[in-house]
Amino acid sequence: MDIEKKLEFLGLTKTESSLYVTLLKIGESTAIQLAKESNIHRRTIYDNLTILIKKGFVSYKIKNKIRYFEPVNPTILQGLLNEKKNTLDDVLPTLIKLFQNKQTTPQITIIEGTNGAKSIVEEAIQLNETIYWMGGGLFFFDALGFSKDFIEKKLISTKIKIIQAETPDILQKLKHFKKENIKILPEKYISQIGYTVYGDTVVIGLVQDKTIIAIKIVNKEFAKGFMNYFDIIWNIK
């Protein structure tokens, strides 16, 4: 993923990302110069520069009645992220309380896309209990794109047991996990469908053409049932 795509992931639009990166490359510029360098219409440039100024990514000065724009030091990104994190830390307990007050069991949710998948990983890790992961051929990692390394590092540091069918690259994909927490099944059992159990939650997922779709079930009996399946396979010699 290129730098502009990553800036979009951090909250800028495609045009805002392009303009900010262009300014970083060429330095102080007029809107006309930016239009030539970025191939973006001048009217669109003015509108988006105004937004970038409000967001704190761009500043300007006036020389000879001409406005010159320049990028603000990229280190502001860290400050913006810290500010957002502090805001989230402040509001999260209230959000969780509101969420829990409205829940009934069993809770069944359909989750799609990488962001939904990452939210499941975060939830499982924060529970601080053993995660049980069976099947899916680790296609999940392939679908994460540039987030793969970030998510993998988080999972490695957790308590996790993994059962997977053998594929040519399965050991390479699992090289960072403890060997005693891995069980490899014969290749004939490989599937793009897998499930994960953590606490009272079961997530049944499918990865197809790098698209993730999952059914999340929060129910003690469901979790117990799927854990029984996991234990049966885990204990086979």
Protein backbone atom coordinates (compact mmCIF):
# COMPACT_ATOMS: atom_id res chain seq x y z
CA MET A 1 0.00 0.00 0.00
CA ASP A 2 1.44 3.37 -1.04
CA ILE A 3 1.81 6.36 1.25
CA GLU A 4 -1.33 8.13 0.00
CA LYS A 5 -3.47 5.06 0.68
CA LYS A 6 -2.07 4.91 4.20
CA LEU A 7 -2.95 8.56 4.75
CA GLU A 8 -6.49 7.76 3.60
CA PHE A 9 -6.55 5.00 6.21
CA LEU A 10 -5.60 7.63 8.81
CA GLY A 11 -8.57 9.79 7.90
CA LEU A 12 -7.67 11.97 4.90
CA THR A 13 -9.62 11.78 1.65
CA LYS A 14 -7.92 10.67 -1.57
CA THR A 15 -7.58 14.28 -2.79
CA GLU A 16 -6.35 15.56 0.58
CA SER A 17 -3.74 12.79 0.73
CA SER A 18 -2.54 13.55 -2.78
CA LEU A 19 -2.22 17.28 -2.11
CA TYR A 20 -0.38 16.82 1.19
CA VAL A 21 2.12 14.36 -0.31
CA THR A 22 2.64 16.64 -3.32
CA LEU A 23 3.38 19.57 -1.01
CA LEU A 24 5.84 17.45 0.97
CA LYS A 25 7.63 16.62 -2.28
CA ILE A 26 7.78 20.08 -3.88
CA GLY A 27 7.56 22.38 -0.87
CA GLU A 28 6.03 25.85 -0.83
CA SER A 29 3.69 26.22 -3.82
CA THR A 30 0.82 28.20 -5.25
CA ALA A 31 -2.49 26.57 -6.10
CA ILE A 32 -1.59 26.85 -9.79
CA GLN A 33 1.68 24.97 -9.24
CA LEU A 34 -0.13 22.33 -7.23
CA ALA A 35 -2.70 21.88 -9.98
CA LYS A 36 0.09 21.18 -12.47
CA GLU A 37 1.96 18.79 -10.17
CA SER A 38 -1.05 16.85 -8.93
CA ASN A 39 -3.35 16.92 -11.99
CA ILE A 40 -6.19 18.08 -9.74
CA HIS A 41 -8.57 20.83 -10.87
CA ARG A 42 -7.73 24.20 -9.34
CA ARG A 43 -11.20 24.71 -7.83
CA THR A 44 -10.96 21.32 -6.14
CA ILE A 45 -7.48 22.21 -4.91
CA TYR A 46 -8.68 25.40 -3.20
CA ASP A 47 -11.53 23.56 -1.47
CA ASN A 48 -9.27 20.77 -0.22
CA LEU A 49 -6.45 23.08 0.82
CA THR A 50 -8.97 24.94 2.98
CA ILE A 51 -9.89 21.63 4.63
CA LEU A 52 -6.22 20.68 5.11
CA ILE A 53 -5.54 24.05 6.73
CA LYS A 54 -8.42 23.48 9.17
CA LYS A 55 -7.13 19.96 9.91
CA GLY A 56 -3.67 21.36 10.59
CA PHE A 57 -1.81 19.68 7.72
CA VAL A 58 -1.15 22.80 5.63
CA SER A 59 -0.24 26.43 6.36
CA TYR A 60 0.10 29.40 4.02
CA LYS A 61 1.74 32.77 3.61
CA ILE A 62 1.02 35.71 1.30
CA LYS A 63 3.80 37.21 -0.84
CA ASN A 64 3.08 39.94 -3.38
CA LYS A 65 -0.65 39.32 -2.90
CA ILE A 66 -0.21 35.64 -3.91
CA ARG A 67 -1.01 32.86 -1.48
CA TYR A 68 1.70 30.20 -1.07
CA PHE A 69 0.88 26.90 0.62
CA GLU A 70 3.31 24.66 2.49
CA PRO A 71 3.02 21.37 4.38
CA VAL A 72 3.12 21.23 8.14
CA ASN A 73 5.72 18.86 9.64
CA PRO A 74 4.37 15.26 9.38
CA THR A 75 5.08 14.74 13.08
CA ILE A 76 1.68 16.36 13.68
CA LEU A 77 0.17 13.00 12.71
CA GLN A 78 1.40 11.45 15.94
CA GLY A 79 -0.12 14.27 17.94
CA LEU A 80 -3.43 13.93 16.14
CA LEU A 81 -3.49 10.18 16.75
CA ASN A 82 -2.63 10.68 20.43
CA GLU A 83 -5.43 13.21 20.76
CA LYS A 84 -7.89 10.79 19.16
CA LYS A 85 -6.70 7.98 21.43
CA ASN A 86 -7.12 10.14 24.53
CA THR A 87 -10.63 11.06 23.40
CA LEU A 88 -11.44 7.39 22.79
CA ASP A 89 -10.06 6.39 26.20
CA ASP A 90 -12.30 9.02 27.76
CA VAL A 91 -15.52 8.00 26.00
CA LEU A 92 -14.98 4.22 25.70
CA PRO A 93 -16.20 3.22 29.20
CA THR A 94 -19.51 5.01 28.56
CA LEU A 95 -19.87 3.40 25.14
CA ILE A 96 -19.18 -0.06 26.56
CA LYS A 97 -21.74 0.47 29.32
CA LEU A 98 -24.39 1.54 26.78
CA PHE A 99 -23.55 -1.48 24.61
CA GLN A 100 -23.74 -3.99 27.46
CA ASN A 101 -27.02 -2.60 28.79
CA LYS A 102 -28.77 -3.36 25.50
CA GLN A 103 -27.40 -6.88 24.93
CA THR A 104 -29.46 -10.05 25.10
CA THR A 105 -28.22 -13.58 24.53
CA PRO A 106 -27.59 -15.24 22.23
CA GLN A 107 -26.19 -12.33 20.23
CA ILE A 108 -25.63 -13.06 16.53
CA THR A 109 -23.84 -10.55 14.30
CA ILE A 110 -22.60 -10.64 10.71
CA ILE A 111 -19.25 -8.94 10.20
CA GLU A 112 -17.67 -8.08 6.85
CA GLY A 113 -14.33 -6.65 5.75
CA THR A 114 -10.90 -6.24 7.29
CA ASN A 115 -11.93 -3.58 9.79
CA GLY A 116 -14.61 -5.86 11.20
CA ALA A 117 -12.10 -8.71 11.39
CA LYS A 118 -9.59 -6.51 13.19
CA SER A 119 -12.26 -5.49 15.71
CA ILE A 120 -12.78 -9.17 16.50
CA VAL A 121 -9.04 -9.67 17.06
CA GLU A 122 -8.91 -6.63 19.36
CA GLU A 123 -11.90 -7.89 21.35
CA ALA A 124 -10.38 -11.37 21.70
CA ILE A 125 -7.02 -9.99 22.84
CA GLN A 126 -8.52 -7.58 25.37
CA LEU A 127 -10.45 -10.44 26.98
CA ASN A 128 -7.03 -11.78 28.05
CA GLU A 129 -8.10 -15.43 27.84
CA THR A 130 -6.83 -18.21 25.59
CA ILE A 131 -7.92 -17.84 21.96
CA TYR A 132 -8.72 -21.08 20.11
CA TRP A 133 -8.41 -20.91 16.33
CA MET A 134 -9.28 -23.81 14.06
CA GLY A 135 -9.19 -23.99 10.26
CA GLY A 136 -9.34 -21.31 7.63
CA GLY A 137 -5.86 -22.05 6.27
CA LEU A 138 -4.62 -18.71 7.64
CA PHE A 139 -6.14 -17.05 4.56
CA PHE A 140 -7.23 -14.48 7.14
CA PHE A 141 -3.68 -13.09 7.26
CA ASP A 142 -3.53 -12.84 3.46
CA ALA A 143 -6.72 -10.77 3.43
CA LEU A 144 -5.43 -8.20 5.93
CA GLY A 145 -3.14 -6.43 3.46
CA PHE A 146 -0.77 -3.97 5.09
CA SER A 147 -2.39 -4.59 8.52
CA LYS A 148 -1.12 -8.20 8.53
CA ASP A 149 2.13 -7.58 10.45
CA PHE A 150 0.39 -5.37 13.01
CA ILE A 151 -2.32 -7.96 13.76
CA GLU A 152 0.13 -10.86 13.70
CA LYS A 153 2.34 -9.22 16.32
CA LYS A 154 -0.67 -8.73 18.58
CA LEU A 155 -1.75 -12.37 18.25
CA ILE A 156 1.77 -13.67 18.86
CA SER A 157 1.84 -11.96 22.25
CA THR A 158 -1.46 -13.55 23.35
CA LYS A 159 -2.40 -16.96 24.71
CA ILE A 160 -3.49 -18.81 21.58
CA LYS A 161 -3.89 -22.39 20.33
CA ILE A 162 -4.08 -23.04 16.61
CA ILE A 163 -5.24 -26.04 14.56
CA GLN A 164 -4.61 -25.77 10.82
CA ALA A 165 -4.43 -28.08 7.83
CA GLU A 166 -1.06 -28.46 6.17
CA THR A 167 -0.28 -26.21 3.22
CA PRO A 168 3.07 -25.55 1.51
CA ASP A 169 3.54 -22.32 3.47
CA ILE A 170 1.73 -23.10 6.73
CA LEU A 171 4.88 -23.47 8.82
CA GLN A 172 6.26 -20.21 7.42
CA LYS A 173 3.04 -18.41 8.35
CA LEU A 174 3.13 -19.87 11.85
CA LYS A 175 6.86 -19.48 12.46
CA HIS A 176 6.42 -16.79 15.13
CA PHE A 177 3.94 -18.82 17.20
CA LYS A 178 5.03 -21.36 19.83
CA LYS A 179 5.25 -24.87 18.38
CA GLU A 180 3.56 -26.42 21.41
CA ASN A 181 0.48 -24.28 20.68
CA ILE A 182 0.10 -25.51 17.10
CA LYS A 183 -1.42 -28.68 15.68
CA ILE A 184 -1.13 -29.46 11.96
CA LEU A 185 -3.75 -31.64 10.27
CA PRO A 186 -3.38 -33.49 6.93
CA GLU A 187 -3.67 -31.34 3.80
CA LYS A 188 -7.05 -32.88 2.83
CA TYR A 189 -8.70 -30.90 5.66
CA ILE A 190 -7.77 -27.49 4.30
CA SER A 191 -10.69 -25.06 4.01
CA GLN A 192 -11.29 -21.35 3.67
CA ILE A 193 -13.78 -21.65 6.52
CA GLY A 194 -12.55 -21.59 10.10
CA TYR A 195 -13.69 -20.66 13.57
CA THR A 196 -12.33 -18.94 16.65
CA VAL A 197 -13.46 -19.26 20.25
CA TYR A 198 -12.65 -16.76 23.00
CA GLY A 199 -14.60 -16.51 26.23
CA ASP A 200 -18.29 -16.97 25.45
CA THR A 201 -17.82 -15.91 21.82
CA VAL A 202 -17.60 -18.01 18.65
CA VAL A 203 -16.66 -16.45 15.32
CA ILE A 204 -17.17 -18.56 12.19
CA GLY A 205 -15.36 -16.97 9.26
CA LEU A 206 -14.89 -17.37 5.53
CA VAL A 207 -12.10 -15.77 3.50
CA GLN A 208 -12.75 -15.82 -0.23
CA ASP A 209 -10.85 -13.76 -2.81
CA LYS A 210 -9.31 -11.87 0.14
CA THR A 211 -12.79 -10.85 1.30
CA ILE A 212 -13.65 -11.60 4.93
CA ILE A 213 -17.14 -12.40 6.14
CA ALA A 214 -17.90 -13.81 9.59
CA ILE A 215 -20.75 -14.75 11.89
CA LYS A 216 -20.15 -13.79 15.51
CA ILE A 217 -22.17 -15.61 18.17
CA VAL A 218 -21.99 -14.61 21.82
CA ASN A 219 -23.46 -17.46 23.82
CA LYS A 220 -21.95 -19.69 26.50
CA GLU A 221 -23.44 -22.92 25.13
CA PHE A 222 -22.32 -22.21 21.56
CA ALA A 223 -18.80 -21.49 22.82
CA LYS A 224 -18.78 -24.67 24.90
CA GLY A 225 -19.92 -26.77 21.93
CA PHE A 226 -17.25 -25.43 19.57
CA MET A 227 -14.61 -25.82 22.29
CA ASN A 228 -15.58 -29.50 22.53
CA TYR A 229 -14.91 -29.88 18.78
CA PHE A 230 -11.58 -28.11 19.19
CA ASP A 231 -10.53 -30.32 22.14
CA ILE A 232 -11.44 -33.52 20.28
CA ILE A 233 -9.19 -32.58 17.34
CA TRP A 234 -6.43 -31.20 19.57
CA ASN A 235 -6.22 -34.43 21.58
CA ILE A 236 -6.05 -36.77 18.59
CA LYS A 237 -2.58 -38.34 18.55
